[in-house]
Amino acid sequence: MYPTPMNRCSLPPWAIASRHYNLQPKSLELQGVSHSSRLLFDRLDRLDDPEARGIQFHDFMDVQFQLHQWEREEKLSSRKSIKNSYLRFLRGWLFDSNSPEGAVLKGWAESRLGLPPTFHHMPIKDIDSEAYYQYAVDRMKGSARTNAIFQQLDLLYVYVQYELARRFPGETHWKLYRGIYDFEEHQVLEKLEKNRVLLRLNCLNSFTDDFERAWEFGSRVLETSMPLTKIFFMGGLLPKSLFKGEGEVIVIGGEFEVKVLTGG
């Protein structure tokens, strides 16, 4: 699967997916999100405590998308729709990135950034394949009972970028790790050196900033320099009372130069 010709972002899909972007990243502006949520970020600017900012963000989401009103709905389907907030999808991804919740997150990357998934239960070669159809079914199942979930995820990404800039000013890249058993989920585009390759990563991927923890998920570990602009979500940016997943980093994919580390 290659990037689509259109997206809702300040850079075209082919640029976001390229290896050159990852070396010299620029901010990714989602259409209209910063302008429409200016009130939130004005409030965050006045808060010095990161945890207070996290609570303020969630409270804003609660009101903006009426997530707090689910108990007032008479119909069960309506109650489920409003109750299914962005947190449900993050937790679903944490449990299984190939779940319906995972398909919805991948759908966000496809819709907003123009990066279609390359794997969901199985490799996806093109939009006419059976694999893409199964992904689309999961995406529809996952988003069927939600209240503007893509808009919620838009705001989540913008908040994460805001927090990273506040907490780590001047930093552009982090060294992140991903444990794997094989390359089924990732297409090897080029062998660069003995233990370095150019990979096409899925539109969204789980990484960690903990080298030792990465070994819990595979017999090999991918190490890469990740642009902070490609961090869609990071567990430590929300209060633990809302999300327990510290060390989990969900990143936007594309072409990455990675070092492949093996045990022994």
Protein backbone atom coordinates (compact mmCIF):
# COMPACT_ATOMS: atom_id res chain seq x y z
CA MET A 1 0.00 0.00 0.00
CA TYR A 2 1.28 3.44 -0.98
CA PRO A 3 0.16 6.85 0.35
CA THR A 4 -3.09 8.21 -1.04
CA PRO A 5 -3.02 11.41 -3.15
CA MET A 6 -5.02 13.46 -0.62
CA ASN A 7 -5.21 14.08 3.12
CA ARG A 8 -6.25 16.71 5.68
CA CYS A 9 -2.78 17.78 6.70
CA SER A 10 -0.30 20.56 5.96
CA LEU A 11 2.06 18.19 4.11
CA PRO A 12 1.18 15.74 1.31
CA PRO A 13 1.06 12.00 2.11
CA TRP A 14 4.14 11.13 0.05
CA ALA A 15 6.21 13.62 2.03
CA ILE A 16 5.00 12.38 5.43
CA ALA A 17 5.77 8.79 4.45
CA SER A 18 9.25 9.49 3.08
CA ARG A 19 12.57 8.67 4.73
CA HIS A 20 13.64 12.28 4.06
CA TYR A 21 10.84 13.62 6.25
CA ASN A 22 12.02 11.47 9.14
CA LEU A 23 15.50 12.94 8.86
CA GLN A 24 14.28 16.56 8.67
CA PRO A 25 10.74 16.64 10.11
CA LYS A 26 8.35 19.56 10.03
CA SER A 27 5.24 20.06 12.12
CA LEU A 28 2.09 18.33 10.87
CA GLU A 29 -0.88 20.68 11.05
CA LEU A 30 -4.32 19.06 10.83
CA GLN A 31 -6.82 21.24 9.01
CA GLY A 32 -8.74 23.53 11.32
CA VAL A 33 -7.97 21.73 14.59
CA SER A 34 -5.72 24.30 16.28
CA HIS A 35 -8.05 27.16 15.31
CA SER A 36 -11.22 25.44 16.51
CA SER A 37 -9.63 24.43 19.84
CA ARG A 38 -7.83 27.71 20.60
CA LEU A 39 -9.72 28.06 23.90
CA LEU A 40 -8.26 24.77 25.16
CA PHE A 41 -4.68 25.69 24.38
CA ASP A 42 -5.08 29.17 25.86
CA ARG A 43 -6.08 27.45 29.10
CA LEU A 44 -3.21 24.97 28.89
CA ASP A 45 -0.74 27.83 28.40
CA ARG A 46 -1.68 29.09 31.86
CA LEU A 47 -0.98 25.75 33.58
CA ASP A 48 2.55 24.81 34.67
CA ASP A 49 1.70 21.38 36.09
CA PRO A 50 1.68 18.63 33.39
CA GLU A 51 -0.89 16.55 35.27
CA ALA A 52 -3.20 19.55 35.57
CA ARG A 53 -2.89 20.05 31.81
CA GLY A 54 -3.80 16.41 31.23
CA ILE A 55 -6.91 16.77 33.38
CA GLN A 56 -7.83 20.03 31.64
CA PHE A 57 -7.48 18.33 28.26
CA HIS A 58 -9.73 15.43 29.24
CA ASP A 59 -12.31 17.78 30.77
CA PHE A 60 -12.37 19.76 27.53
CA MET A 61 -12.88 16.56 25.51
CA ASP A 62 -15.60 15.55 27.93
CA VAL A 63 -17.56 18.73 27.29
CA GLN A 64 -16.68 19.23 23.61
CA PHE A 65 -17.88 15.77 22.62
CA GLN A 66 -20.54 15.41 25.36
CA LEU A 67 -18.84 12.32 26.75
CA HIS A 68 -20.19 13.11 30.20
CA GLN A 69 -23.83 12.98 29.08
CA TRP A 70 -24.02 9.27 28.24
CA GLU A 71 -26.10 8.51 31.36
CA ARG A 72 -28.83 10.93 30.23
CA GLU A 73 -29.53 9.06 26.98
CA GLU A 74 -32.61 6.85 27.01
CA LYS A 75 -31.58 4.47 24.21
CA LEU A 76 -28.85 1.93 24.96
CA SER A 77 -27.24 2.51 21.55
CA SER A 78 -27.05 6.26 22.19
CA ARG A 79 -25.53 5.69 25.62
CA LYS A 80 -22.87 3.41 24.15
CA SER A 81 -22.14 5.91 21.37
CA ILE A 82 -21.36 8.78 23.70
CA LYS A 83 -19.57 6.63 26.28
CA ASN A 84 -17.09 5.32 23.71
CA SER A 85 -14.46 8.02 23.97
CA TYR A 86 -10.89 8.24 22.68
CA LEU A 87 -9.71 6.39 25.80
CA ARG A 88 -11.54 3.22 24.77
CA PHE A 89 -9.65 3.17 21.47
CA LEU A 90 -6.28 3.76 23.10
CA ARG A 91 -6.92 0.93 25.55
CA GLY A 92 -8.15 -1.30 22.72
CA TRP A 93 -4.95 -0.63 20.77
CA LEU A 94 -2.87 -1.41 23.84
CA PHE A 95 -4.60 -4.80 24.13
CA ASP A 96 -4.49 -5.63 20.40
CA SER A 97 -3.56 -3.29 17.54
CA ASN A 98 -5.46 -5.60 15.15
CA SER A 99 -8.72 -5.16 17.03
CA PRO A 100 -11.65 -3.05 15.74
CA GLU A 101 -10.34 -0.24 17.96
CA GLY A 102 -6.95 -0.62 16.28
CA ALA A 103 -8.61 -0.45 12.87
CA VAL A 104 -10.24 2.86 13.84
CA LEU A 105 -6.89 4.35 14.84
CA LYS A 106 -5.37 3.16 11.55
CA GLY A 107 -8.38 4.67 9.80
CA TRP A 108 -7.58 8.02 11.41
CA ALA A 109 -4.04 7.90 9.97
CA GLU A 110 -5.48 7.00 6.57
CA SER A 111 -8.10 9.77 6.66
CA ARG A 112 -6.03 12.59 8.13
CA LEU A 113 -2.51 11.85 6.87
CA GLY A 114 -3.24 9.86 3.72
CA LEU A 115 -1.32 6.82 5.02
CA PRO A 116 -3.34 3.62 4.49
CA PRO A 117 -2.55 0.57 6.63
CA THR A 118 -0.08 -1.99 5.33
CA PHE A 119 -1.06 -4.61 7.92
CA HIS A 120 -4.19 -5.56 9.83
CA HIS A 121 -4.22 -9.23 10.82
CA MET A 122 -2.41 -9.80 7.50
CA PRO A 123 -0.38 -7.79 4.97
CA ILE A 124 -2.47 -5.33 2.91
CA LYS A 125 -1.19 -4.85 -0.63
CA ASP A 126 -3.90 -2.62 -2.11
CA ILE A 127 -7.44 -1.35 -1.52
CA ASP A 128 -8.90 -4.06 -3.77
CA SER A 129 -7.53 -6.90 -1.65
CA GLU A 130 -9.46 -9.12 0.73
CA ALA A 131 -7.13 -7.94 3.52
CA TYR A 132 -8.16 -4.30 2.99
CA TYR A 133 -11.82 -5.31 2.96
CA GLN A 134 -11.45 -7.08 6.32
CA TYR A 135 -9.68 -4.03 7.76
CA ALA A 136 -12.51 -1.78 6.49
CA VAL A 137 -15.09 -4.05 8.15
CA ASP A 138 -13.23 -3.83 11.48
CA ARG A 139 -12.94 -0.05 11.09
CA MET A 140 -16.70 0.29 10.55
CA LYS A 141 -17.47 -2.01 13.48
CA GLY A 142 -15.18 -0.04 15.75
CA SER A 143 -16.52 3.38 14.79
CA ALA A 144 -20.21 2.44 14.63
CA ARG A 145 -20.96 3.49 18.21
CA THR A 146 -18.82 6.54 18.64
CA ASN A 147 -19.30 10.26 18.92
CA ALA A 148 -17.08 11.95 16.28
CA ILE A 149 -14.13 9.66 17.05
CA PHE A 150 -11.86 11.00 14.29
CA GLN A 151 -12.39 14.54 15.61
CA GLN A 152 -11.51 13.29 19.09
CA LEU A 153 -8.32 11.72 17.73
CA ASP A 154 -7.48 14.94 15.85
CA LEU A 155 -7.53 16.84 19.11
CA LEU A 156 -5.60 14.09 20.91
CA TYR A 157 -2.77 14.28 18.37
CA VAL A 158 -2.60 18.08 18.56
CA TYR A 159 -2.58 17.92 22.38
CA VAL A 160 0.23 15.33 22.36
CA GLN A 161 2.31 17.55 20.08
CA TYR A 162 1.64 20.53 22.34
CA GLU A 163 2.71 18.57 25.43
CA LEU A 164 5.89 17.24 23.81
CA ALA A 165 6.89 20.78 22.86
CA ARG A 166 6.19 22.03 26.41
CA ARG A 167 8.00 19.20 28.19
CA PHE A 168 10.92 18.69 25.80
CA PRO A 169 11.64 22.05 24.13
CA GLY A 170 14.15 21.92 21.31
CA GLU A 171 14.12 18.13 20.94
CA THR A 172 13.32 16.75 17.49
CA HIS A 173 14.02 12.99 17.66
CA TRP A 174 13.92 10.17 20.20
CA LYS A 175 15.46 6.75 20.06
CA LEU A 176 12.59 4.25 20.22
CA TYR A 177 12.37 0.46 20.13
CA ARG A 178 9.97 -2.20 18.87
CA GLY A 179 10.18 -5.93 19.57
CA ILE A 180 9.38 -8.28 16.66
CA TYR A 181 9.65 -11.98 15.81
CA ASP A 182 9.65 -11.51 12.03
CA PHE A 183 9.05 -8.89 9.34
CA GLU A 184 5.52 -9.96 8.44
CA GLU A 185 4.10 -6.58 9.49
CA HIS A 186 6.84 -4.49 7.89
CA GLN A 187 8.06 -4.38 4.31
CA VAL A 188 11.84 -4.39 3.86
CA LEU A 189 12.57 -1.82 1.14
CA GLU A 190 16.36 -1.86 1.18
CA LYS A 191 19.25 -3.48 3.05
CA LEU A 192 21.61 -0.68 4.04
CA GLU A 193 24.34 -2.28 6.15
CA LYS A 194 24.93 -5.47 8.09
CA ASN A 195 22.22 -4.78 10.65
CA ARG A 196 20.47 -1.75 9.18
CA VAL A 197 17.51 -1.78 6.80
CA LEU A 198 14.98 0.61 5.32
CA LEU A 199 11.49 -0.47 6.36
CA ARG A 200 8.03 0.67 5.44
CA LEU A 201 6.25 0.73 8.81
CA ASN A 202 2.49 0.42 9.13
CA CYS A 203 0.49 3.66 9.25
CA LEU A 204 0.47 3.38 13.06
CA ASN A 205 2.82 1.28 15.20
CA SER A 206 3.59 0.54 18.83
CA PHE A 207 7.08 1.42 20.04
CA THR A 208 8.57 1.97 23.47
CA ASP A 209 11.27 4.20 24.91
CA ASP A 210 12.38 1.30 27.16
CA PHE A 211 15.01 -0.86 25.45
CA GLU A 212 14.67 -3.74 27.92
CA ARG A 213 10.88 -3.78 27.66
CA ALA A 214 11.05 -4.10 23.88
CA TRP A 215 12.61 -7.57 24.27
CA GLU A 216 9.40 -8.76 25.94
CA PHE A 217 7.67 -8.58 22.54
CA GLY A 218 10.08 -10.40 20.25
CA SER A 219 13.38 -12.12 19.55
CA ARG A 220 14.60 -9.06 17.66
CA VAL A 221 14.35 -5.36 18.39
CA LEU A 222 14.02 -2.53 15.91
CA GLU A 223 15.81 0.66 16.95
CA THR A 224 15.10 3.91 15.14
CA SER A 225 15.36 7.66 15.51
CA MET A 226 11.74 8.80 15.69
CA PRO A 227 10.69 12.38 14.91
CA LEU A 228 8.59 13.75 17.75
CA THR A 229 6.15 15.03 15.14
CA LYS A 230 5.32 11.40 14.37
CA ILE A 231 4.32 10.54 17.93
CA PHE A 232 0.55 10.14 17.80
CA PHE A 233 0.24 9.21 21.47
CA MET A 234 2.46 8.54 24.46
CA GLY A 235 1.19 6.94 27.64
CA GLY A 236 2.92 9.25 30.11
CA LEU A 237 1.20 12.38 28.75
CA LEU A 238 -2.15 11.61 30.41
CA PRO A 239 -2.73 11.25 34.16
CA LYS A 240 -2.44 7.62 35.35
CA SER A 241 -6.02 7.85 36.61
CA LEU A 242 -7.11 8.09 32.94
CA PHE A 243 -4.65 5.83 31.14
CA LYS A 244 -2.22 3.24 32.47
CA GLY A 245 0.24 2.56 29.68
CA GLU A 246 3.47 4.31 30.55
CA GLY A 247 6.21 3.46 28.08
CA GLU A 248 3.73 2.87 25.24
CA VAL A 249 4.39 5.15 22.26
CA ILE A 250 2.10 4.99 19.21
CA VAL A 251 3.89 6.40 16.18
CA ILE A 252 2.96 7.33 12.62
CA GLY A 253 4.59 5.13 10.01
CA GLY A 254 6.30 5.48 6.65
CA GLU A 255 9.85 4.75 5.49
CA PHE A 256 12.29 4.38 8.38
CA GLU A 257 15.94 3.48 8.63
CA VAL A 258 16.15 0.99 11.50
CA LYS A 259 18.84 -0.98 13.26
CA VAL A 260 17.89 -4.63 13.79
CA LEU A 261 19.19 -5.96 17.10
CA THR A 262 19.25 -9.68 17.85
CA GLY A 263 19.68 -11.45 21.18
CA GLY A 264 22.67 -13.55 22.12
